[in-house]
PDB file of N, CA and C in Angstrom:
ATOM      1  N   MET A   1     113.416  -8.686 106.657  1.00  0.00           N
ATOM      2  CA  MET A   1     112.817  -8.953 105.422  1.00  0.00           C
ATOM      3  C   MET A   1     112.470  -9.999 104.459  1.00  0.00           C
ATOM      4  N   VAL A   2     111.263 -10.274 104.220  1.00  0.00           N
ATOM      5  CA  VAL A   2     111.273 -11.716 103.580  1.00  0.00           C
ATOM      6  C   VAL A   2     112.065 -11.346 101.649  1.00  0.00           C
ATOM      7  N   PRO A   3     112.968 -12.646 101.308  1.00  0.00           N
ATOM      8  CA  PRO A   3     113.099 -12.830 100.324  1.00  0.00           C
ATOM      9  C   PRO A   3     111.914 -11.839  99.309  1.00  0.00           C
ATOM     10  N   GLY A   4     112.077 -11.310  98.031  1.00  0.00           N
ATOM     11  CA  GLY A   4     111.230 -11.098  97.714  1.00  0.00           C
ATOM     12  C   GLY A   4     110.307  -9.774  97.950  1.00  0.00           C
ATOM     13  N   GLU A   5     110.395  -8.844  98.832  1.00  0.00           N
ATOM     14  CA  GLU A   5     110.204  -8.031  99.015  1.00  0.00           C
ATOM     15  C   GLU A   5     110.570  -6.972  98.456  1.00  0.00           C
ATOM     16  N   THR A   6     109.339  -5.659  99.085  1.00  0.00           N
ATOM     17  CA  THR A   6     109.861  -4.841  98.579  1.00  0.00           C
ATOM     18  C   THR A   6     110.531  -2.942  99.203  1.00  0.00           C
ATOM     19  N   GLY A   7     110.076  -4.003 100.311  1.00  0.00           N
ATOM     20  CA  GLY A   7     110.105  -2.886 102.000  1.00  0.00           C
ATOM     21  C   GLY A   7     109.104  -1.419 101.795  1.00  0.00           C
ATOM     22  N   LYS A   8     107.968  -2.319 101.639  1.00  0.00           N
ATOM     23  CA  LYS A   8     106.765  -0.960 101.139  1.00  0.00           C
ATOM     24  C   LYS A   8     106.264  -1.710 102.747  1.00  0.00           C
ATOM     25  N   LYS A   9     105.246  -0.936 103.469  1.00  0.00           N
ATOM     26  CA  LYS A   9     104.627  -0.726 104.997  1.00  0.00           C
ATOM     27  C   LYS A   9     103.423  -1.656 104.263  1.00  0.00           C
ATOM     28  N   HIS A  10     102.043  -0.933 104.306  1.00  0.00           N
ATOM     29  CA  HIS A  10     101.071  -1.358 104.476  1.00  0.00           C
ATOM     30  C   HIS A  10     100.089   0.071 105.031  1.00  0.00           C
ATOM     31  N   GLY A  11      99.811   0.548 103.839  1.00  0.00           N
ATOM     32  CA  GLY A  11      99.327   1.363 103.220  1.00  0.00           C
ATOM     33  C   GLY A  11      99.987   2.339 102.509  1.00  0.00           C
ATOM     34  N   GLN A  12     101.589   1.842 101.601  1.00  0.00           N
ATOM     35  CA  GLN A  12     102.009   2.348 100.227  1.00  0.00           C
ATOM     36  C   GLN A  12     101.673   0.988  99.448  1.00  0.00           C
ATOM     37  N   GLY A  13     101.535   1.941  98.105  1.00  0.00           N
ATOM     38  CA  GLY A  13     101.487   0.929  97.400  1.00  0.00           C
ATOM     39  C   GLY A  13     101.005   1.496  96.434  1.00  0.00           C
ATOM     40  N   GLY A  14     100.443   2.224  96.013  1.00  0.00           N
ATOM     41  CA  GLY A  14      99.467   2.562  94.945  1.00  0.00           C
ATOM     42  C   GLY A  14      98.928   1.584  93.581  1.00  0.00           C
ATOM     43  N   GLN A  15      99.011   0.112  94.400  1.00  0.00           N
ATOM     44  CA  GLN A  15      98.305  -0.652  93.042  1.00  0.00           C
ATOM     45  C   GLN A  15      97.588  -0.681  92.976  1.00  0.00           C
ATOM     46  N   LYS A  16      96.599  -1.249  92.250  1.00  0.00           N
ATOM     47  CA  LYS A  16      95.554  -0.580  91.255  1.00  0.00           C
ATOM     48  C   LYS A  16      93.834  -1.299  92.083  1.00  0.00           C
ATOM     49  N   GLY A  17      94.311  -1.879  93.243  1.00  0.00           N
ATOM     50  CA  GLY A  17      93.843  -2.501  93.983  1.00  0.00           C
ATOM     51  C   GLY A  17      92.918  -1.892  95.531  1.00  0.00           C
ATOM     52  N   ASP A  18      93.966  -1.113  95.525  1.00  0.00           N
ATOM     53  CA  ASP A  18      93.730  -0.516  96.926  1.00  0.00           C
ATOM     54  C   ASP A  18      93.076   0.186  97.352  1.00  0.00           C
ATOM     55  N   SER A  19      91.667   1.293  96.011  1.00  0.00           N
ATOM     56  CA  SER A  19      91.419   1.928  96.184  1.00  0.00           C
ATOM     57  C   SER A  19      90.463   1.038  96.431  1.00  0.00           C
ATOM     58  N   GLY A  20      89.775  -0.267  96.341  1.00  0.00           N
ATOM     59  CA  GLY A  20      88.655  -0.473  96.787  1.00  0.00           C
ATOM     60  C   GLY A  20      88.839  -1.618  97.561  1.00  0.00           C
ATOM     61  N   ARG A  21      90.343  -1.616  98.294  1.00  0.00           N
ATOM     62  CA  ARG A  21      90.172  -2.348  99.353  1.00  0.00           C
ATOM     63  C   ARG A  21      90.314  -1.125 100.496  1.00  0.00           C
ATOM     64  N   ALA A  22      90.833   0.396 100.198  1.00  0.00           N
ATOM     65  CA  ALA A  22      90.222   1.483 101.299  1.00  0.00           C
ATOM     66  C   ALA A  22      88.599   2.153 101.424  1.00  0.00           C
ATOM     67  N   GLU A  23      88.039   1.553 100.885  1.00  0.00           N
ATOM     68  CA  GLU A  23      86.763   1.877 100.289  1.00  0.00           C
ATOM     69  C   GLU A  23      85.874   0.864 101.267  1.00  0.00           C
ATOM     70  N   ARG A  24      86.716  -0.879 100.785  1.00  0.00           N
ATOM     71  CA  ARG A  24      85.461  -1.169 101.873  1.00  0.00           C
ATOM     72  C   ARG A  24      85.633  -1.589 102.999  1.00  0.00           C
ATOM     73  N   LEU A  25      86.890  -0.778 103.505  1.00  0.00           N
ATOM     74  CA  LEU A  25      87.474  -0.481 104.729  1.00  0.00           C
ATOM     75  C   LEU A  25      87.044   0.533 105.028  1.00  0.00           C
ATOM     76  N   ARG A  26      86.514   1.861 104.771  1.00  0.00           N
ATOM     77  CA  ARG A  26      85.890   2.795 105.038  1.00  0.00           C
ATOM     78  C   ARG A  26      84.449   2.335 105.545  1.00  0.00           C
ATOM     79  N   ALA A  27      83.960   1.679 104.157  1.00  0.00           N
ATOM     80  CA  ALA A  27      82.800   1.144 104.869  1.00  0.00           C
ATOM     81  C   ALA A  27      82.936  -0.039 105.690  1.00  0.00           C
ATOM     82  N   ALA A  28      83.221  -0.776 106.164  1.00  0.00           N
ATOM     83  CA  ALA A  28      83.075  -1.649 106.983  1.00  0.00           C
ATOM     84  C   ALA A  28      83.098  -0.533 108.865  1.00  0.00           C
ATOM     85  N   LEU A  29      84.152   0.208 108.568  1.00  0.00           N
ATOM     86  CA  LEU A  29      84.517   1.384 109.718  1.00  0.00           C
ATOM     87  C   LEU A  29      83.127   1.829 110.388  1.00  0.00           C
ATOM     88  N   ARG A  30      82.546   2.921 108.973  1.00  0.00           N
ATOM     89  CA  ARG A  30      81.499   3.383 109.660  1.00  0.00           C
ATOM     90  C   ARG A  30      80.129   1.992 109.647  1.00  0.00           C
ATOM     91  N   GLU A  31      79.822   0.871 109.503  1.00  0.00           N
ATOM     92  CA  GLU A  31      79.309   0.071 110.254  1.00  0.00           C
ATOM     93  C   GLU A  31      79.269  -0.540 111.445  1.00  0.00           C
ATOM     94  N   ASN A  32      80.621  -0.760 111.608  1.00  0.00           N
ATOM     95  CA  ASN A  32      81.013  -1.074 113.114  1.00  0.00           C
ATOM     96  C   ASN A  32      80.477  -0.101 113.688  1.00  0.00           C
ATOM     97  N   LEU A  33      81.018   1.657 113.683  1.00  0.00           N
ATOM     98  CA  LEU A  33      80.008   2.282 114.460  1.00  0.00           C
ATOM     99  C   LEU A  33      78.946   3.138 114.237  1.00  0.00           C
ATOM    100  N   LYS A  34      78.604   2.129 113.671  1.00  0.00           N
ATOM    101  CA  LYS A  34      76.669   2.469 114.101  1.00  0.00           C
ATOM    102  C   LYS A  34      76.754   1.467 114.822  1.00  0.00           C
ATOM    103  N   ARG A  35      76.788   0.167 114.099  1.00  0.00           N
ATOM    104  CA  ARG A  35      76.856  -1.014 115.338  1.00  0.00           C
ATOM    105  C   ARG A  35      76.806  -0.511 116.905  1.00  0.00           C
ATOM    106  N   ARG A  36      78.068   0.244 117.356  1.00  0.00           N
ATOM    107  CA  ARG A  36      78.199   0.477 118.457  1.00  0.00           C
ATOM    108  C   ARG A  36      77.144   1.701 119.103  1.00  0.00           C
ATOM    109  N   LYS A  37      77.128   3.035 117.998  1.00  0.00           N
ATOM    110  CA  LYS A  37      75.762   3.734 118.423  1.00  0.00           C
ATOM    111  C   LYS A  37      75.427   3.196 119.314  1.00  0.00           C
ATOM    112  N   SER A  38      74.420   2.074 117.922  1.00  0.00           N
ATOM    113  CA  SER A  38      73.143   1.357 118.376  1.00  0.00           C
ATOM    114  C   SER A  38      73.209   1.210 119.649  1.00  0.00           C
ATOM    115  N   GLN A  39      74.050   0.141 120.202  1.00  0.00           N
ATOM    116  CA  GLN A  39      75.103  -0.659 121.461  1.00  0.00           C
ATOM    117  C   GLN A  39      74.703   0.151 122.533  1.00  0.00           C
ATOM    118  N   ALA A  40      75.376   1.557 122.459  1.00  0.00           N
ATOM    119  CA  ALA A  40      74.984   1.892 123.141  1.00  0.00           C
ATOM    120  C   ALA A  40      74.005   2.455 123.726  1.00  0.00           C
ATOM    121  N   ARG A  41      73.410   3.062 122.731  1.00  0.00           N
ATOM    122  CA  ARG A  41      71.543   4.021 122.868  1.00  0.00           C
ATOM    123  C   ARG A  41      71.351   2.839 123.721  1.00  0.00           C
ATOM    124  N   GLY A  42      71.290   1.698 123.357  1.00  0.00           N
ATOM    125  CA  GLY A  42      70.284   1.009 123.868  1.00  0.00           C
ATOM    126  C   GLY A  42      70.358   0.047 125.549  1.00  0.00           C
ATOM    127  N   ARG A  43      72.281   0.762 125.810  1.00  0.00           N
ATOM    128  CA  ARG A  43      72.173   0.345 127.084  1.00  0.00           C
ATOM    129  C   ARG A  43      71.804   1.367 128.000  1.00  0.00           C
ATOM    130  N   SER A  44      72.115   2.348 127.026  1.00  0.00           N
ATOM    131  CA  SER A  44      71.401   3.814 128.014  1.00  0.00           C
ATOM    132  C   SER A  44      70.224   3.941 127.984  1.00  0.00           C
ATOM    133  N   GLN A  45      68.718   3.536 127.454  1.00  0.00           N
ATOM    134  CA  GLN A  45      67.693   2.800 127.622  1.00  0.00           C
ATOM    135  C   GLN A  45      68.193   2.115 128.775  1.00  0.00           C
ATOM    136  N   ALA A  46      68.310   0.532 128.416  1.00  0.00           N
ATOM    137  CA  ALA A  46      68.418   0.061 129.985  1.00  0.00           C
ATOM    138  C   ALA A  46      68.134   0.463 130.786  1.00  0.00           C
ATOM    139  N   GLU A  47      69.354   1.230 131.434  1.00  0.00           N
ATOM    140  CA  GLU A  47      70.060   1.913 132.131  1.00  0.00           C
ATOM    141  C   GLU A  47      68.687   2.585 133.048  1.00  0.00           C
ATOM    142  N   ASP A  48      68.066   3.585 132.043  1.00  0.00           N
ATOM    143  CA  ASP A  48      67.394   4.312 132.306  1.00  0.00           C
ATOM    144  C   ASP A  48      65.643   3.494 132.758  1.00  0.00           C
ATOM    145  N   ALA A  49      65.411   2.477 132.154  1.00  0.00           N
ATOM    146  CA  ALA A  49      64.521   2.364 132.646  1.00  0.00           C
ATOM    147  C   ALA A  49      64.013   1.075 133.579  1.00  0.00           C
ATOM    148  N   ALA A  50      65.895   0.701 134.312  1.00  0.00           N
ATOM    149  CA  ALA A  50      65.816  -0.562 135.124  1.00  0.00           C
ATOM    150  C   ALA A  50      65.253   0.034 136.910  1.00  0.00           C
ATOM    151  N   LEU A  51      64.918  -0.555 137.050  1.00  0.00           N
ATOM    152  CA  LEU A  51      64.574  -0.020 138.842  1.00  0.00           C
ATOM    153  C   LEU A  51      65.803  -0.039 139.753  1.00  0.00           C
ATOM    154  N   PRO A  52      66.295   0.585 140.196  1.00  0.00           N
ATOM    155  CA  PRO A  52      67.289   0.945 141.211  1.00  0.00           C
ATOM    156  C   PRO A  52      67.172  -0.626 142.112  1.00  0.00           C
ATOM    157  N   HIS A  53      68.252  -1.463 142.754  1.00  0.00           N
ATOM    158  CA  HIS A  53      67.791  -2.148 143.764  1.00  0.00           C
ATOM    159  C   HIS A  53      69.371  -2.316 144.028  1.00  0.00           C
ATOM    160  N   ASP A  54      69.170  -2.302 145.035  1.00  0.00           N
ATOM    161  CA  ASP A  54      71.196  -2.849 146.152  1.00  0.00           C
ATOM    162  C   ASP A  54      70.757  -4.066 146.297  1.00  0.00           C
ATOM    163  N   SER A  55      72.322  -4.943 145.430  1.00  0.00           N
ATOM    164  CA  SER A  55      72.267  -6.485 145.092  1.00  0.00           C
ATOM    165  C   SER A  55      72.462  -7.091 146.987  1.00  0.00           C
ATOM    166  N   ALA A  56      73.311  -5.970 147.643  1.00  0.00           N
ATOM    167  CA  ALA A  56      73.391  -6.983 149.034  1.00  0.00           C
ATOM    168  C   ALA A  56      72.588  -6.559 149.702  1.00  0.00           C
ATOM    169  N   GLY A  57      70.942  -5.941 150.031  1.00  0.00           N
ATOM    170  CA  GLY A  57      70.130  -6.135 150.502  1.00  0.00           C
ATOM    171  C   GLY A  57      69.688  -5.288 151.469  1.00  0.00           C
ATOM    172  N   PHE A  58      70.250  -4.485 151.183  1.00  0.00           N
ATOM    173  CA  PHE A  58      69.893  -2.942 152.519  1.00  0.00           C
ATOM    174  C   PHE A  58      69.161  -2.287 151.984  1.00  0.00           C
ATOM    175  N   VAL A  59      68.280  -1.841 152.420  1.00  0.00           N
ATOM    176  CA  VAL A  59      67.855  -0.412 152.259  1.00  0.00           C
ATOM    177  C   VAL A  59      67.370   0.505 153.309  1.00  0.00           C
ATOM    178  N   PRO A  60      67.404   1.778 152.803  1.00  0.00           N
ATOM    179  CA  PRO A  60      67.357   3.065 153.231  1.00  0.00           C
ATOM    180  C   PRO A  60      66.503   2.569 154.651  1.00  0.00           C
ATOM    181  N   GLU A  61      67.526   3.126 155.482  1.00  0.00           N
ATOM    182  CA  GLU A  61      65.766   3.510 156.890  1.00  0.00           C
ATOM    183  C   GLU A  61      65.042   4.426 156.579  1.00  0.00           C
ATOM    184  N   LYS A  62      63.580   4.520 157.508  1.00  0.00           N
ATOM    185  CA  LYS A  62      62.096   5.591 157.121  1.00  0.00           C
ATOM    186  C   LYS A  62      62.327   6.190 158.460  1.00  0.00           C
ATOM    187  N   PRO A  63      62.361   6.467 158.411  1.00  0.00           N
ATOM    188  CA  PRO A  63      62.047   8.743 158.821  1.00  0.00           C
ATOM    189  C   PRO A  63      61.031   7.806 160.442  1.00  0.00           C
ATOM    190  N   LYS A  64      61.656   8.197 161.182  1.00  0.00           N
ATOM    191  CA  LYS A  64      60.790   7.831 162.693  1.00  0.00           C
ATOM    192  C   LYS A  64      60.249   8.954 162.660  1.00  0.00           C
ATOM    193  N   ASP A  65      59.342   8.599 162.896  1.00  0.00           N
ATOM    194  CA  ASP A  65      57.448   9.756 163.535  1.00  0.00           C
ATOM    195  C   ASP A  65      57.383   9.504 164.842  1.00  0.00           C
TER     196      ASP A  65
END
């Protein structure tokens, strides 16, 4: 422990600025979640719209008549 510290851990304090910090953190987490959901929706739509391909160049055999 550093001299001068009271031994309190993060989240324990009860200081005046703690509620403002907590509100800013909640807002940042909400925005992050919205951004991640939007990115996931975009990836999902891109996967649905993409044409299937085979990067190795294999093509399925055609039925023999």
